[in-house]
N, C-alpha and C. Protein backbone atom coordinates (compact mmCIF):
# COMPACT_ATOMS: atom_id res chain seq x y z
N UNK A 1 -39.91 25.99 -37.83
CA UNK A 1 -38.69 26.42 -36.99
C UNK A 1 -38.84 26.24 -35.88
N UNK A 2 -40.18 26.39 -34.95
CA UNK A 2 -39.85 26.54 -33.73
C UNK A 2 -39.26 25.44 -33.10
N UNK A 3 -39.84 24.06 -33.53
CA UNK A 3 -39.27 22.74 -33.49
C UNK A 3 -37.90 22.90 -33.20
N UNK A 4 -36.78 23.10 -34.61
CA UNK A 4 -35.87 23.71 -34.71
C UNK A 4 -35.21 24.15 -33.41
N UNK A 5 -35.58 25.00 -33.35
CA UNK A 5 -35.07 26.44 -32.47
C UNK A 5 -34.99 25.53 -30.72
N UNK A 6 -36.03 24.56 -30.90
CA UNK A 6 -36.52 24.06 -29.32
C UNK A 6 -35.49 22.91 -29.07
N UNK A 7 -35.35 21.75 -29.99
CA UNK A 7 -34.17 21.10 -30.60
C UNK A 7 -33.18 21.34 -30.09
N UNK A 8 -32.69 22.29 -31.13
CA UNK A 8 -31.28 23.12 -30.74
C UNK A 8 -30.93 23.83 -29.00
N UNK A 9 -31.78 24.53 -28.41
CA UNK A 9 -31.66 24.89 -27.22
C UNK A 9 -31.69 23.30 -26.28
N UNK A 10 -32.24 22.47 -26.72
CA UNK A 10 -32.16 21.42 -25.75
C UNK A 10 -30.97 20.58 -26.44
N UNK A 11 -30.29 20.48 -27.19
CA UNK A 11 -28.88 19.97 -27.42
C UNK A 11 -27.76 21.28 -26.89
N UNK A 12 -28.06 22.52 -26.67
CA UNK A 12 -27.45 22.70 -26.07
C UNK A 12 -27.13 22.50 -24.82
N UNK A 13 -28.31 22.61 -23.78
CA UNK A 13 -28.35 22.24 -22.93
C UNK A 13 -27.59 20.93 -22.58
N UNK A 14 -27.83 20.16 -22.86
CA UNK A 14 -27.37 18.66 -22.97
C UNK A 14 -25.96 18.93 -22.86
N UNK A 15 -25.40 18.95 -23.81
CA UNK A 15 -24.03 19.84 -24.17
C UNK A 15 -23.41 20.44 -23.07
N UNK A 16 -24.10 21.21 -22.28
CA UNK A 16 -23.55 22.14 -21.17
C UNK A 16 -23.43 21.09 -19.95
N UNK A 17 -24.79 20.25 -19.95
CA UNK A 17 -24.85 19.37 -18.26
C UNK A 17 -23.62 17.57 -19.27
N UNK A 18 -23.45 17.90 -20.31
CA UNK A 18 -22.12 17.33 -20.24
C UNK A 18 -21.22 17.59 -19.85
N UNK A 19 -20.67 18.83 -20.24
CA UNK A 19 -19.20 19.84 -19.83
C UNK A 19 -18.94 19.81 -18.08
N UNK A 20 -20.49 20.23 -17.84
CA UNK A 20 -20.38 20.26 -15.89
C UNK A 20 -19.97 18.53 -15.29
N UNK A 21 -20.56 17.94 -16.07
CA UNK A 21 -20.49 16.25 -15.56
C UNK A 21 -18.68 15.81 -15.78
N UNK A 22 -18.35 16.12 -16.61
CA UNK A 22 -17.20 15.87 -17.24
C UNK A 22 -16.29 16.62 -16.51
N UNK A 23 -16.44 18.02 -15.89
CA UNK A 23 -15.90 18.96 -14.60
C UNK A 23 -15.76 17.84 -13.40
N UNK A 24 -17.13 17.91 -12.97
CA UNK A 24 -17.31 17.62 -11.64
C UNK A 24 -16.47 15.95 -11.53
N UNK A 25 -16.69 15.16 -12.55
CA UNK A 25 -15.39 13.76 -12.69
C UNK A 25 -14.11 13.65 -12.92
N UNK A 26 -14.21 14.82 -12.94
CA UNK A 26 -12.66 15.16 -13.12
C UNK A 26 -12.22 15.54 -11.81
N UNK A 27 -13.25 16.30 -11.24
CA UNK A 27 -12.58 17.11 -9.48
C UNK A 27 -12.68 15.29 -8.74
N UNK A 28 -13.58 15.11 -9.05
CA UNK A 28 -13.89 14.02 -7.92
C UNK A 28 -13.21 12.77 -8.09
N UNK A 29 -12.29 12.09 -9.14
CA UNK A 29 -10.92 11.68 -9.48
C UNK A 29 -9.63 12.23 -8.59
N UNK A 30 -9.58 13.63 -9.19
CA UNK A 30 -8.93 14.28 -8.04
C UNK A 30 -8.89 13.71 -6.87
N UNK A 31 -10.28 14.14 -6.12
CA UNK A 31 -9.78 14.08 -4.93
C UNK A 31 -9.67 12.24 -4.29
N UNK A 32 -10.50 11.63 -4.80
CA UNK A 32 -9.84 10.05 -4.13
C UNK A 32 -8.48 9.63 -4.82
N UNK A 33 -7.86 10.78 -5.64
CA UNK A 33 -6.53 9.99 -5.96
C UNK A 33 -5.34 10.67 -4.81
N UNK A 34 -5.75 12.18 -4.51
CA UNK A 34 -5.15 12.17 -3.19
C UNK A 34 -5.75 11.68 -1.83
N UNK A 35 -6.71 10.83 -1.37
CA UNK A 35 -7.94 10.63 -0.58
C UNK A 35 -6.84 9.14 -0.27
N UNK A 36 -6.55 8.65 -1.61
CA UNK A 36 -6.22 7.34 -1.49
C UNK A 36 -4.43 7.67 -1.06
N UNK A 37 -3.91 8.54 -1.59
CA UNK A 37 -2.42 8.61 -1.54
C UNK A 37 -2.29 8.51 0.34
N UNK A 38 -3.17 9.35 0.63
CA UNK A 38 -2.88 9.69 2.03
C UNK A 38 -3.39 8.29 2.93
N UNK A 39 -4.12 7.62 2.09
CA UNK A 39 -4.47 6.76 3.18
C UNK A 39 -3.60 5.38 2.92
N UNK A 40 -2.49 5.53 1.65
CA UNK A 40 -1.74 4.69 1.24
C UNK A 40 -0.12 4.88 2.54
N UNK A 41 -0.03 5.93 2.24
CA UNK A 41 0.49 6.69 3.35
C UNK A 41 0.42 6.10 4.39
N UNK A 42 -0.82 5.95 5.16
CA UNK A 42 -0.86 5.55 6.87
C UNK A 42 -0.66 4.16 6.97
N UNK A 43 -1.19 3.15 5.78
CA UNK A 43 -0.97 2.06 5.73
C UNK A 43 0.46 1.41 5.60
N UNK A 44 1.50 2.23 4.79
CA UNK A 44 2.46 1.75 4.68
C UNK A 44 3.46 2.34 5.93
N UNK A 45 2.83 3.59 6.38
CA UNK A 45 3.66 3.53 8.20
C UNK A 45 3.67 2.69 9.24
N UNK A 46 2.02 1.91 9.32
CA UNK A 46 1.30 0.81 9.86
C UNK A 46 2.07 -0.59 9.65
N UNK A 47 2.06 -0.56 8.62
CA UNK A 47 3.16 -1.79 8.14
C UNK A 47 4.82 -1.46 8.67
N UNK A 48 5.22 -0.70 8.82
CA UNK A 48 6.75 -0.69 9.01
C UNK A 48 6.34 -0.53 10.68
N UNK A 49 5.83 -0.21 11.19
CA UNK A 49 5.71 -0.07 13.19
C UNK A 49 5.66 -1.44 13.00
N UNK A 50 4.42 -2.93 13.01
CA UNK A 50 4.05 -3.62 12.76
C UNK A 50 5.84 -4.83 12.68
N UNK A 51 5.98 -4.11 11.64
CA UNK A 51 7.44 -4.92 11.14
C UNK A 51 8.53 -4.76 12.16
N UNK A 52 8.43 -3.41 12.69
CA UNK A 52 9.60 -3.69 13.35
C UNK A 52 9.23 -4.03 15.10
N UNK A 53 8.18 -4.00 15.26
CA UNK A 53 7.79 -5.04 16.44
C UNK A 53 7.35 -6.13 16.39
N UNK A 54 7.53 -6.87 14.97
CA UNK A 54 8.09 -8.52 15.28
C UNK A 54 9.13 -8.33 14.68
N UNK A 55 9.80 -7.85 14.72
CA UNK A 55 11.60 -7.98 14.16
C UNK A 55 12.07 -7.90 16.10
N UNK A 56 11.45 -7.10 16.84
CA UNK A 56 11.70 -6.82 18.07
C UNK A 56 11.37 -8.03 18.88
N UNK A 57 10.19 -9.05 18.46
CA UNK A 57 9.66 -9.51 19.53
C UNK A 57 10.56 -11.12 19.49
N UNK A 58 10.92 -10.83 17.71
CA UNK A 58 11.75 -12.09 17.44
C UNK A 58 12.76 -11.88 17.87
N UNK A 59 13.96 -10.91 17.94
CA UNK A 59 14.66 -10.66 18.63
C UNK A 59 14.80 -10.89 20.51
N UNK A 60 13.93 -10.80 20.61
CA UNK A 60 13.67 -10.65 22.54
C UNK A 60 13.44 -12.28 22.28
N UNK A 61 12.74 -13.41 21.69
CA UNK A 61 12.43 -14.73 21.75
C UNK A 61 13.67 -15.41 21.65
N UNK A 62 14.74 -14.71 20.56
CA UNK A 62 15.82 -15.59 20.08
C UNK A 62 16.68 -15.30 21.62
N UNK A 63 16.66 -14.22 21.99
CA UNK A 63 17.84 -14.07 23.57
C UNK A 63 17.10 -14.76 24.43
N UNK A 64 15.86 -15.09 24.92
CA UNK A 64 15.49 -15.35 25.66
C UNK A 64 15.93 -17.36 25.24
N UNK A 65 15.84 -17.73 24.39
CA UNK A 65 16.24 -19.49 23.31
C UNK A 65 17.72 -19.36 24.33
N UNK A 66 18.72 -18.41 23.71
CA UNK A 66 20.17 -18.97 23.84
C UNK A 66 20.37 -18.66 25.27
N UNK A 67 20.00 -17.68 25.80
CA UNK A 67 20.03 -17.76 27.74
C UNK A 67 19.52 -18.84 27.95
N UNK A 68 18.61 -19.90 28.06
CA UNK A 68 17.92 -20.87 28.60
C UNK A 68 18.88 -21.87 28.07
N UNK A 69 19.58 -21.61 26.81
CA UNK A 69 20.17 -22.97 26.21
C UNK A 69 21.34 -22.73 27.11
N UNK A 70 21.84 -21.40 27.32
CA UNK A 70 23.56 -21.51 28.09
C UNK A 70 23.35 -21.47 29.64
N UNK A 71 22.03 -21.27 30.23
CA UNK A 71 21.67 -21.61 31.40
C UNK A 71 21.65 -23.00 31.76
N UNK A 72 21.25 -23.82 30.39
CA UNK A 72 20.75 -25.27 31.31
C UNK A 72 21.42 -26.07 29.54
N UNK A 73 22.74 -26.46 29.30
CA UNK A 73 23.06 -26.89 28.32
C UNK A 73 22.49 -28.36 28.15
N UNK A 74 22.68 -29.47 29.35
CA UNK A 74 22.32 -30.45 28.85
C UNK A 74 20.79 -30.51 28.83
N UNK A 75 20.13 -30.28 29.35
CA UNK A 75 18.83 -30.21 29.08
C UNK A 75 17.82 -29.74 27.93
N UNK A 76 18.96 -28.76 27.15
CA UNK A 76 18.60 -27.98 25.67
C UNK A 76 19.37 -29.37 24.61
N UNK A 77 20.44 -29.57 25.19
CA UNK A 77 20.86 -30.95 23.86
C UNK A 77 20.09 -32.28 24.24
N UNK A 78 19.37 -32.14 25.83
CA UNK A 78 18.69 -33.45 25.63
C UNK A 78 17.30 -32.93 24.64
N UNK A 79 16.61 -32.08 24.21
CA UNK A 79 15.81 -31.85 23.91
C UNK A 79 15.83 -31.96 22.49
N UNK A 80 16.28 -31.19 22.08
CA UNK A 80 17.32 -31.25 20.63
C UNK A 80 17.16 -32.73 19.95
N UNK A 81 17.40 -33.43 20.41
CA UNK A 81 18.47 -35.07 20.53
C UNK A 81 16.66 -35.99 20.13
N UNK A 82 15.78 -35.31 21.16
CA UNK A 82 14.47 -35.87 21.37
C UNK A 82 13.70 -34.98 20.23
N UNK A 83 13.73 -33.81 19.68
CA UNK A 83 13.04 -33.39 18.69
C UNK A 83 13.79 -33.81 17.40
N UNK A 84 14.79 -34.63 17.49
CA UNK A 84 15.66 -34.51 15.93
C UNK A 84 14.85 -36.09 15.88
N UNK A 85 15.07 -36.97 16.86
CA UNK A 85 14.29 -38.30 16.84
C UNK A 85 12.96 -38.43 16.53
N UNK A 86 12.56 -37.41 16.83
CA UNK A 86 11.06 -37.54 16.40
C UNK A 86 10.18 -36.92 15.09
N UNK A 87 11.15 -35.93 14.20
CA UNK A 87 11.49 -35.94 13.05
C UNK A 87 12.21 -36.77 12.40
N UNK A 88 13.07 -37.43 12.77
CA UNK A 88 13.50 -38.96 12.04
C UNK A 88 12.39 -39.67 11.79
N UNK A 89 11.71 -40.37 12.83
CA UNK A 89 10.76 -40.94 13.09
C UNK A 89 9.63 -40.78 12.44
N UNK A 90 9.22 -39.56 12.04
CA UNK A 90 8.22 -39.25 11.40
C UNK A 90 8.30 -39.11 10.09
N UNK A 91 9.87 -38.98 9.47
CA UNK A 91 10.04 -38.98 7.96
C UNK A 91 10.57 -40.21 7.52
N UNK A 92 10.73 -41.18 8.76
CA UNK A 92 11.12 -42.35 8.29
C UNK A 92 9.62 -43.41 7.64
N UNK A 93 8.80 -42.89 8.39
CA UNK A 93 6.97 -43.24 8.10
C UNK A 93 7.06 -43.21 6.65
N UNK A 94 7.35 -42.45 5.71
CA UNK A 94 6.62 -42.09 4.87
C UNK A 94 7.55 -43.23 3.50
């Protein structure tokens, strides 16, 4: 009989430990989820800022090219003609 009581006490202790473990895991998962949400918001914001910067640089580059073409139309035309000739030559080799 003493062995049965000892076995029952140990089983109850194990059940109590498993219950506490479940509770702790639930809290841990909840905390991780909250932390991941905060980090994903930071990453989204950083990506938006990078996209904004890339768009601005692209627009600046386009304005620079437009200004260069307006200031030097013949040079731009000859450069475009030369580039077109090179592309045609490379495509013809195939």
